[in-house]
Amino acid sequence: MTGSADPLVVVARRSGRWWAVEVPSLPGVFTQAQTLDAVGPMVRDAGAMFLQLPTASIAIEARCEPPAEARADVEEALARKADAERAQAAASAAMRRAVAALAQVGLTNRDAGRLLEVSHQRVAQIAASGAQAAEGRRGRRTRHASP
C-alpha cells in the first residue's frame, strides 16, 4: 500500500475554508489542510502513523475535487487546455514539415522565416531539432536491426 508501486489514494474536497482530506484505503484516516500544497505532507504524516512506517516511504496519489460551484468551469478549462496542447503539437509538427520542405527546395532560413511568419533564427532551430529527431529515428532503427 506504500512505495512508488502502490501509492495511497487521497481524496481532497473543499469544506468551507479548508480542504477535507480522506484516505479511503485507510479507514479513519482523515485530515485537513488550508492549501492543496499542504495535503501531501499532512497525509504522509497521518499514513505513516497509521501504518507505522517512515514518512518518507509513503507515496500518495492525490485526487483533488474542485468545489461544486466551480466544477464545470474547471472541467471546461482543463478540456480546452488539453485541446490547445494537441493543437500546439500539431502546429509544431506542421512547422517542422514546412521547414524541411522549404529547405528541400533550396530556400534560405530568412525566406522560410518570412513565409512561415517566424524569425530566421527560429527556422534554424526548427531545422536543427528536425535533424536531431531524424537522426534519433535512424539510430533506433539501426540498434533494433543489430543483434
N, C-alpha and C. Protein backbone atom coordinates (compact mmCIF):
# COMPACT_ATOMS: atom_id res chain seq x y z
N MET A 1 0.81 -1.19 0.00
CA MET A 1 0.00 0.00 0.00
C MET A 1 0.86 1.26 0.00
N THR A 2 2.15 1.11 0.16
CA THR A 2 3.03 2.27 0.14
C THR A 2 4.12 2.06 -0.88
N GLY A 3 4.96 3.06 -1.05
CA GLY A 3 6.01 2.98 -2.04
C GLY A 3 5.50 3.45 -3.38
N SER A 4 6.41 3.60 -4.33
CA SER A 4 6.04 4.14 -5.63
C SER A 4 5.14 3.19 -6.41
N ALA A 5 5.20 1.87 -6.13
CA ALA A 5 4.39 0.92 -6.87
C ALA A 5 2.93 0.97 -6.46
N ASP A 6 2.64 1.35 -5.25
CA ASP A 6 1.27 1.31 -4.76
C ASP A 6 1.00 2.50 -3.84
N PRO A 7 0.77 3.67 -4.39
CA PRO A 7 0.57 4.86 -3.54
C PRO A 7 -0.78 4.85 -2.85
N LEU A 8 -0.85 5.60 -1.76
CA LEU A 8 -2.13 5.82 -1.08
C LEU A 8 -2.94 6.80 -1.92
N VAL A 9 -4.17 6.44 -2.22
CA VAL A 9 -5.05 7.35 -2.94
C VAL A 9 -5.68 8.27 -1.92
N VAL A 10 -5.59 9.56 -2.19
CA VAL A 10 -6.07 10.59 -1.28
C VAL A 10 -7.15 11.39 -2.00
N VAL A 11 -8.24 11.65 -1.33
CA VAL A 11 -9.31 12.46 -1.91
C VAL A 11 -9.43 13.75 -1.09
N ALA A 12 -9.30 14.88 -1.79
CA ALA A 12 -9.41 16.19 -1.13
C ALA A 12 -10.63 16.91 -1.68
N ARG A 13 -11.50 17.35 -0.76
CA ARG A 13 -12.70 18.10 -1.13
C ARG A 13 -12.74 19.38 -0.32
N ARG A 14 -13.16 20.44 -0.95
CA ARG A 14 -13.26 21.72 -0.26
C ARG A 14 -14.39 21.68 0.75
N SER A 15 -14.09 22.15 1.95
CA SER A 15 -15.09 22.22 3.02
C SER A 15 -14.88 23.55 3.73
N GLY A 16 -15.69 24.53 3.38
CA GLY A 16 -15.51 25.86 3.94
C GLY A 16 -14.20 26.46 3.46
N ARG A 17 -13.35 26.84 4.41
CA ARG A 17 -12.06 27.44 4.05
C ARG A 17 -10.92 26.41 4.06
N TRP A 18 -11.26 25.15 4.22
CA TRP A 18 -10.26 24.08 4.33
C TRP A 18 -10.48 23.03 3.26
N TRP A 19 -9.46 22.22 3.04
CA TRP A 19 -9.59 21.01 2.22
C TRP A 19 -9.74 19.85 3.18
N ALA A 20 -10.88 19.15 3.09
CA ALA A 20 -11.10 17.94 3.88
C ALA A 20 -10.46 16.79 3.11
N VAL A 21 -9.62 16.04 3.78
CA VAL A 21 -8.81 15.02 3.11
C VAL A 21 -9.08 13.67 3.76
N GLU A 22 -9.33 12.67 2.90
CA GLU A 22 -9.52 11.32 3.41
C GLU A 22 -8.69 10.35 2.58
N VAL A 23 -8.37 9.24 3.20
CA VAL A 23 -7.63 8.16 2.55
C VAL A 23 -8.56 6.95 2.60
N PRO A 24 -9.33 6.70 1.53
CA PRO A 24 -10.33 5.63 1.58
C PRO A 24 -9.76 4.24 1.95
N SER A 25 -8.53 3.96 1.59
CA SER A 25 -7.96 2.65 1.89
C SER A 25 -7.51 2.51 3.34
N LEU A 26 -7.49 3.62 4.08
CA LEU A 26 -7.13 3.58 5.50
C LEU A 26 -8.31 4.13 6.31
N PRO A 27 -9.24 3.27 6.67
CA PRO A 27 -10.42 3.72 7.40
C PRO A 27 -10.05 4.54 8.64
N GLY A 28 -10.70 5.67 8.77
CA GLY A 28 -10.47 6.51 9.93
C GLY A 28 -9.35 7.51 9.76
N VAL A 29 -8.64 7.47 8.63
CA VAL A 29 -7.57 8.44 8.40
C VAL A 29 -8.15 9.63 7.65
N PHE A 30 -8.29 10.71 8.38
CA PHE A 30 -8.79 11.98 7.83
C PHE A 30 -7.86 13.08 8.30
N THR A 31 -7.75 14.11 7.51
CA THR A 31 -7.01 15.28 7.93
C THR A 31 -7.58 16.47 7.17
N GLN A 32 -7.03 17.61 7.42
CA GLN A 32 -7.46 18.79 6.68
C GLN A 32 -6.25 19.68 6.42
N ALA A 33 -6.36 20.49 5.38
CA ALA A 33 -5.26 21.37 5.01
C ALA A 33 -5.85 22.67 4.48
N GLN A 34 -5.12 23.75 4.67
CA GLN A 34 -5.60 25.03 4.15
C GLN A 34 -5.35 25.16 2.66
N THR A 35 -4.29 24.53 2.17
CA THR A 35 -3.96 24.60 0.74
C THR A 35 -3.71 23.19 0.21
N LEU A 36 -3.85 23.03 -1.09
CA LEU A 36 -3.58 21.72 -1.70
C LEU A 36 -2.11 21.34 -1.57
N ASP A 37 -1.21 22.32 -1.55
CA ASP A 37 0.21 22.03 -1.36
C ASP A 37 0.48 21.35 -0.02
N ALA A 38 -0.35 21.60 0.96
CA ALA A 38 -0.15 21.03 2.29
C ALA A 38 -0.74 19.63 2.42
N VAL A 39 -1.52 19.18 1.45
CA VAL A 39 -2.17 17.87 1.54
C VAL A 39 -1.15 16.74 1.61
N GLY A 40 -0.17 16.75 0.74
CA GLY A 40 0.82 15.67 0.70
C GLY A 40 1.51 15.45 2.02
N PRO A 41 2.14 16.49 2.58
CA PRO A 41 2.80 16.29 3.87
C PRO A 41 1.85 15.85 4.99
N MET A 42 0.64 16.39 4.99
CA MET A 42 -0.32 16.01 6.04
C MET A 42 -0.68 14.52 5.93
N VAL A 43 -0.93 14.07 4.70
CA VAL A 43 -1.32 12.66 4.51
C VAL A 43 -0.14 11.74 4.76
N ARG A 44 1.05 12.14 4.36
CA ARG A 44 2.22 11.30 4.62
C ARG A 44 2.39 11.09 6.14
N ASP A 45 2.23 12.17 6.89
CA ASP A 45 2.35 12.05 8.35
C ASP A 45 1.26 11.14 8.91
N ALA A 46 0.01 11.36 8.50
CA ALA A 46 -1.09 10.55 9.01
C ALA A 46 -0.95 9.10 8.58
N GLY A 47 -0.59 8.87 7.31
CA GLY A 47 -0.41 7.49 6.82
C GLY A 47 0.74 6.79 7.51
N ALA A 48 1.82 7.51 7.77
CA ALA A 48 2.97 6.91 8.45
C ALA A 48 2.60 6.49 9.86
N MET A 49 1.83 7.33 10.55
CA MET A 49 1.40 6.95 11.91
C MET A 49 0.47 5.74 11.86
N PHE A 50 -0.48 5.73 10.92
CA PHE A 50 -1.45 4.64 10.82
C PHE A 50 -0.75 3.33 10.48
N LEU A 51 0.17 3.38 9.51
CA LEU A 51 0.83 2.17 9.03
C LEU A 51 2.11 1.83 9.79
N GLN A 52 2.52 2.73 10.69
CA GLN A 52 3.76 2.57 11.45
C GLN A 52 4.96 2.36 10.52
N LEU A 53 5.06 3.29 9.56
CA LEU A 53 6.15 3.29 8.59
C LEU A 53 6.82 4.65 8.59
N PRO A 54 8.03 4.74 8.07
CA PRO A 54 8.66 6.06 7.96
C PRO A 54 7.88 6.95 6.99
N THR A 55 7.79 8.21 7.31
CA THR A 55 7.05 9.17 6.48
C THR A 55 7.56 9.15 5.05
N ALA A 56 8.85 9.07 4.86
CA ALA A 56 9.44 9.11 3.51
C ALA A 56 9.02 7.93 2.65
N SER A 57 8.55 6.85 3.26
CA SER A 57 8.17 5.66 2.48
C SER A 57 6.72 5.74 1.97
N ILE A 58 6.01 6.77 2.35
CA ILE A 58 4.60 6.91 1.96
C ILE A 58 4.49 7.69 0.66
N ALA A 59 4.01 7.03 -0.37
CA ALA A 59 3.73 7.70 -1.65
C ALA A 59 2.24 7.94 -1.73
N ILE A 60 1.86 9.07 -2.31
CA ILE A 60 0.43 9.38 -2.40
C ILE A 60 0.04 9.73 -3.83
N GLU A 61 -1.21 9.50 -4.12
CA GLU A 61 -1.83 9.92 -5.38
C GLU A 61 -3.04 10.77 -4.98
N ALA A 62 -2.92 12.07 -5.16
CA ALA A 62 -3.97 12.98 -4.72
C ALA A 62 -5.01 13.17 -5.81
N ARG A 63 -6.26 13.07 -5.42
CA ARG A 63 -7.39 13.36 -6.31
C ARG A 63 -8.14 14.53 -5.69
N CYS A 64 -7.93 15.69 -6.27
CA CYS A 64 -8.50 16.92 -5.72
C CYS A 64 -9.75 17.28 -6.50
N GLU A 65 -10.86 17.40 -5.78
CA GLU A 65 -12.13 17.73 -6.40
C GLU A 65 -12.39 19.22 -6.25
N PRO A 66 -12.64 19.91 -7.36
CA PRO A 66 -12.94 21.34 -7.25
C PRO A 66 -14.29 21.55 -6.55
N PRO A 67 -14.48 22.71 -5.95
CA PRO A 67 -15.79 22.99 -5.35
C PRO A 67 -16.90 22.86 -6.40
N ALA A 68 -18.05 22.38 -5.97
CA ALA A 68 -19.16 22.12 -6.89
C ALA A 68 -19.52 23.35 -7.73
N GLU A 69 -19.45 24.52 -7.12
CA GLU A 69 -19.83 25.75 -7.82
C GLU A 69 -18.89 26.08 -8.98
N ALA A 70 -17.68 25.55 -8.94
CA ALA A 70 -16.69 25.85 -9.98
C ALA A 70 -16.34 24.63 -10.84
N ARG A 71 -16.92 23.49 -10.54
CA ARG A 71 -16.55 22.24 -11.21
C ARG A 71 -16.67 22.32 -12.73
N ALA A 72 -17.79 22.82 -13.23
CA ALA A 72 -17.99 22.89 -14.69
C ALA A 72 -16.94 23.79 -15.34
N ASP A 73 -16.65 24.91 -14.70
CA ASP A 73 -15.64 25.82 -15.26
C ASP A 73 -14.25 25.19 -15.25
N VAL A 74 -13.92 24.48 -14.18
CA VAL A 74 -12.61 23.82 -14.09
C VAL A 74 -12.51 22.73 -15.17
N GLU A 75 -13.56 21.93 -15.32
CA GLU A 75 -13.55 20.87 -16.33
C GLU A 75 -13.42 21.45 -17.73
N GLU A 76 -14.14 22.55 -18.01
CA GLU A 76 -14.03 23.18 -19.32
C GLU A 76 -12.62 23.72 -19.55
N ALA A 77 -12.05 24.37 -18.54
CA ALA A 77 -10.71 24.92 -18.67
C ALA A 77 -9.69 23.80 -18.95
N LEU A 78 -9.80 22.69 -18.24
CA LEU A 78 -8.87 21.58 -18.46
C LEU A 78 -9.05 20.95 -19.83
N ALA A 79 -10.30 20.84 -20.28
CA ALA A 79 -10.55 20.28 -21.61
C ALA A 79 -9.99 21.19 -22.70
N ARG A 80 -10.19 22.50 -22.53
CA ARG A 80 -9.66 23.45 -23.53
C ARG A 80 -8.14 23.48 -23.50
N LYS A 81 -7.55 23.34 -22.32
CA LYS A 81 -6.09 23.28 -22.21
C LYS A 81 -5.56 22.06 -22.96
N ALA A 82 -6.21 20.91 -22.78
CA ALA A 82 -5.80 19.69 -23.49
C ALA A 82 -5.95 19.87 -25.00
N ASP A 83 -7.04 20.49 -25.42
CA ASP A 83 -7.24 20.78 -26.85
C ASP A 83 -6.12 21.67 -27.37
N ALA A 84 -5.77 22.70 -26.61
CA ALA A 84 -4.71 23.62 -27.03
C ALA A 84 -3.36 22.91 -27.12
N GLU A 85 -3.10 22.01 -26.19
CA GLU A 85 -1.84 21.25 -26.23
C GLU A 85 -1.77 20.36 -27.47
N ARG A 86 -2.91 19.72 -27.81
CA ARG A 86 -2.94 18.90 -29.02
C ARG A 86 -2.77 19.77 -30.26
N ALA A 87 -3.43 20.92 -30.28
CA ALA A 87 -3.30 21.83 -31.42
C ALA A 87 -1.87 22.34 -31.55
N GLN A 88 -1.23 22.65 -30.43
CA GLN A 88 0.17 23.12 -30.45
C GLN A 88 1.09 22.03 -30.98
N ALA A 89 0.86 20.80 -30.57
CA ALA A 89 1.69 19.69 -31.06
C ALA A 89 1.52 19.52 -32.56
N ALA A 90 0.28 19.63 -33.04
CA ALA A 90 0.02 19.52 -34.48
C ALA A 90 0.66 20.68 -35.24
N ALA A 91 0.57 21.89 -34.68
CA ALA A 91 1.17 23.06 -35.33
C ALA A 91 2.68 22.91 -35.38
N SER A 92 3.29 22.41 -34.31
CA SER A 92 4.74 22.21 -34.29
C SER A 92 5.17 21.19 -35.33
N ALA A 93 4.42 20.11 -35.44
CA ALA A 93 4.74 19.08 -36.44
C ALA A 93 4.61 19.65 -37.85
N ALA A 94 3.56 20.44 -38.08
CA ALA A 94 3.37 21.06 -39.40
C ALA A 94 4.50 22.04 -39.70
N MET A 95 4.94 22.78 -38.70
CA MET A 95 6.03 23.73 -38.88
C MET A 95 7.32 22.99 -39.24
N ARG A 96 7.60 21.88 -38.55
CA ARG A 96 8.80 21.10 -38.87
C ARG A 96 8.76 20.57 -40.30
N ARG A 97 7.58 20.08 -40.71
CA ARG A 97 7.45 19.59 -42.09
C ARG A 97 7.63 20.73 -43.09
N ALA A 98 7.06 21.90 -42.79
CA ALA A 98 7.18 23.04 -43.70
C ALA A 98 8.62 23.51 -43.81
N VAL A 99 9.32 23.59 -42.68
CA VAL A 99 10.73 23.99 -42.70
C VAL A 99 11.55 23.01 -43.53
N ALA A 100 11.31 21.72 -43.34
CA ALA A 100 12.04 20.71 -44.11
C ALA A 100 11.73 20.83 -45.59
N ALA A 101 10.46 21.03 -45.94
CA ALA A 101 10.07 21.14 -47.35
C ALA A 101 10.69 22.38 -48.00
N LEU A 102 10.70 23.50 -47.27
CA LEU A 102 11.28 24.72 -47.82
C LEU A 102 12.80 24.59 -47.98
N ALA A 103 13.44 23.92 -47.05
CA ALA A 103 14.88 23.68 -47.17
C ALA A 103 15.16 22.76 -48.36
N GLN A 104 14.30 21.79 -48.55
CA GLN A 104 14.47 20.83 -49.65
C GLN A 104 14.44 21.52 -51.01
N VAL A 105 13.64 22.57 -51.14
CA VAL A 105 13.57 23.29 -52.43
C VAL A 105 14.59 24.43 -52.49
N GLY A 106 15.45 24.55 -51.46
CA GLY A 106 16.56 25.48 -51.53
C GLY A 106 16.33 26.87 -50.97
N LEU A 107 15.25 27.08 -50.22
CA LEU A 107 15.03 28.40 -49.63
C LEU A 107 15.97 28.63 -48.46
N THR A 108 16.36 29.89 -48.29
CA THR A 108 17.17 30.25 -47.14
C THR A 108 16.30 30.28 -45.89
N ASN A 109 16.95 30.28 -44.73
CA ASN A 109 16.21 30.39 -43.47
C ASN A 109 15.46 31.71 -43.41
N ARG A 110 16.04 32.78 -43.96
CA ARG A 110 15.36 34.07 -43.95
C ARG A 110 14.08 34.02 -44.78
N ASP A 111 14.17 33.45 -45.98
CA ASP A 111 12.96 33.37 -46.81
C ASP A 111 11.92 32.44 -46.18
N ALA A 112 12.39 31.32 -45.64
CA ALA A 112 11.46 30.41 -44.97
C ALA A 112 10.79 31.10 -43.79
N GLY A 113 11.57 31.87 -43.04
CA GLY A 113 11.01 32.61 -41.91
C GLY A 113 9.94 33.59 -42.33
N ARG A 114 10.19 34.29 -43.43
CA ARG A 114 9.19 35.25 -43.93
C ARG A 114 7.90 34.52 -44.31
N LEU A 115 8.04 33.39 -45.00
CA LEU A 115 6.86 32.63 -45.41
C LEU A 115 6.09 32.06 -44.21
N LEU A 116 6.83 31.62 -43.21
CA LEU A 116 6.20 30.96 -42.05
C LEU A 116 5.91 31.93 -40.90
N GLU A 117 6.25 33.20 -41.10
CA GLU A 117 5.99 34.24 -40.11
C GLU A 117 6.69 33.99 -38.77
N VAL A 118 7.94 33.54 -38.88
CA VAL A 118 8.80 33.39 -37.71
C VAL A 118 10.16 33.95 -38.08
N SER A 119 11.05 34.10 -37.11
CA SER A 119 12.38 34.62 -37.40
C SER A 119 13.23 33.57 -38.10
N HIS A 120 14.26 34.03 -38.79
CA HIS A 120 15.17 33.07 -39.44
C HIS A 120 15.89 32.24 -38.39
N GLN A 121 16.10 32.81 -37.20
CA GLN A 121 16.73 32.04 -36.13
C GLN A 121 15.82 30.87 -35.70
N ARG A 122 14.52 31.16 -35.64
CA ARG A 122 13.58 30.11 -35.26
C ARG A 122 13.55 29.01 -36.31
N VAL A 123 13.64 29.39 -37.58
CA VAL A 123 13.69 28.39 -38.66
C VAL A 123 14.92 27.50 -38.46
N ALA A 124 16.06 28.10 -38.12
CA ALA A 124 17.27 27.32 -37.89
C ALA A 124 17.09 26.36 -36.73
N GLN A 125 16.43 26.82 -35.66
CA GLN A 125 16.19 25.95 -34.50
C GLN A 125 15.29 24.78 -34.89
N ILE A 126 14.24 25.08 -35.64
CA ILE A 126 13.30 24.03 -36.06
C ILE A 126 14.02 23.03 -36.95
N ALA A 127 14.82 23.52 -37.86
CA ALA A 127 15.56 22.63 -38.76
C ALA A 127 16.52 21.74 -37.97
N ALA A 128 17.20 22.33 -37.00
CA ALA A 128 18.14 21.55 -36.19
C ALA A 128 17.41 20.50 -35.36
N SER A 129 16.27 20.86 -34.78
CA SER A 129 15.53 19.88 -33.98
C SER A 129 14.97 18.77 -34.86
N GLY A 130 14.56 19.12 -36.07
CA GLY A 130 14.09 18.10 -37.00
C GLY A 130 15.20 17.15 -37.41
N ALA A 131 16.40 17.69 -37.61
CA ALA A 131 17.55 16.86 -37.98
C ALA A 131 17.92 15.93 -36.83
N GLN A 132 17.88 16.44 -35.59
CA GLN A 132 18.19 15.61 -34.43
C GLN A 132 17.16 14.50 -34.28
N ALA A 133 15.89 14.82 -34.49
CA ALA A 133 14.84 13.80 -34.38
C ALA A 133 15.02 12.74 -35.45
N ALA A 134 15.34 13.16 -36.67
CA ALA A 134 15.55 12.20 -37.75
C ALA A 134 16.75 11.30 -37.44
N GLU A 135 17.81 11.87 -36.91
CA GLU A 135 18.99 11.09 -36.55
C GLU A 135 18.64 10.09 -35.45
N GLY A 136 17.85 10.52 -34.49
CA GLY A 136 17.41 9.61 -33.43
C GLY A 136 16.60 8.46 -33.97
N ARG A 137 15.71 8.73 -34.93
CA ARG A 137 14.92 7.66 -35.52
C ARG A 137 15.80 6.69 -36.29
N ARG A 138 16.78 7.20 -37.03
CA ARG A 138 17.70 6.33 -37.76
C ARG A 138 18.50 5.48 -36.78
N GLY A 139 18.94 6.09 -35.67
CA GLY A 139 19.71 5.36 -34.67
C GLY A 139 18.90 4.25 -34.03
N ARG A 140 17.63 4.50 -33.75
CA ARG A 140 16.79 3.46 -33.15
C ARG A 140 16.59 2.31 -34.12
N ARG A 141 16.39 2.62 -35.41
CA ARG A 141 16.21 1.53 -36.39
C ARG A 141 17.49 0.71 -36.49
N THR A 142 18.62 1.37 -36.47
CA THR A 142 19.90 0.66 -36.58
C THR A 142 20.10 -0.23 -35.36
N ARG A 143 19.82 0.27 -34.18
CA ARG A 143 20.00 -0.54 -32.97
C ARG A 143 19.10 -1.75 -32.99
N HIS A 144 17.85 -1.58 -33.45
CA HIS A 144 16.92 -2.72 -33.48
C HIS A 144 17.35 -3.76 -34.50
N ALA A 145 18.01 -3.32 -35.57
CA ALA A 145 18.39 -4.25 -36.62
C ALA A 145 19.60 -5.09 -36.22
N SER A 146 20.42 -4.58 -35.32
CA SER A 146 21.62 -5.34 -34.94
C SER A 146 21.30 -6.27 -33.77
N PRO A 147 22.07 -7.35 -33.64
CA PRO A 147 21.81 -8.30 -32.55
C PRO A 147 22.17 -7.76 -31.20
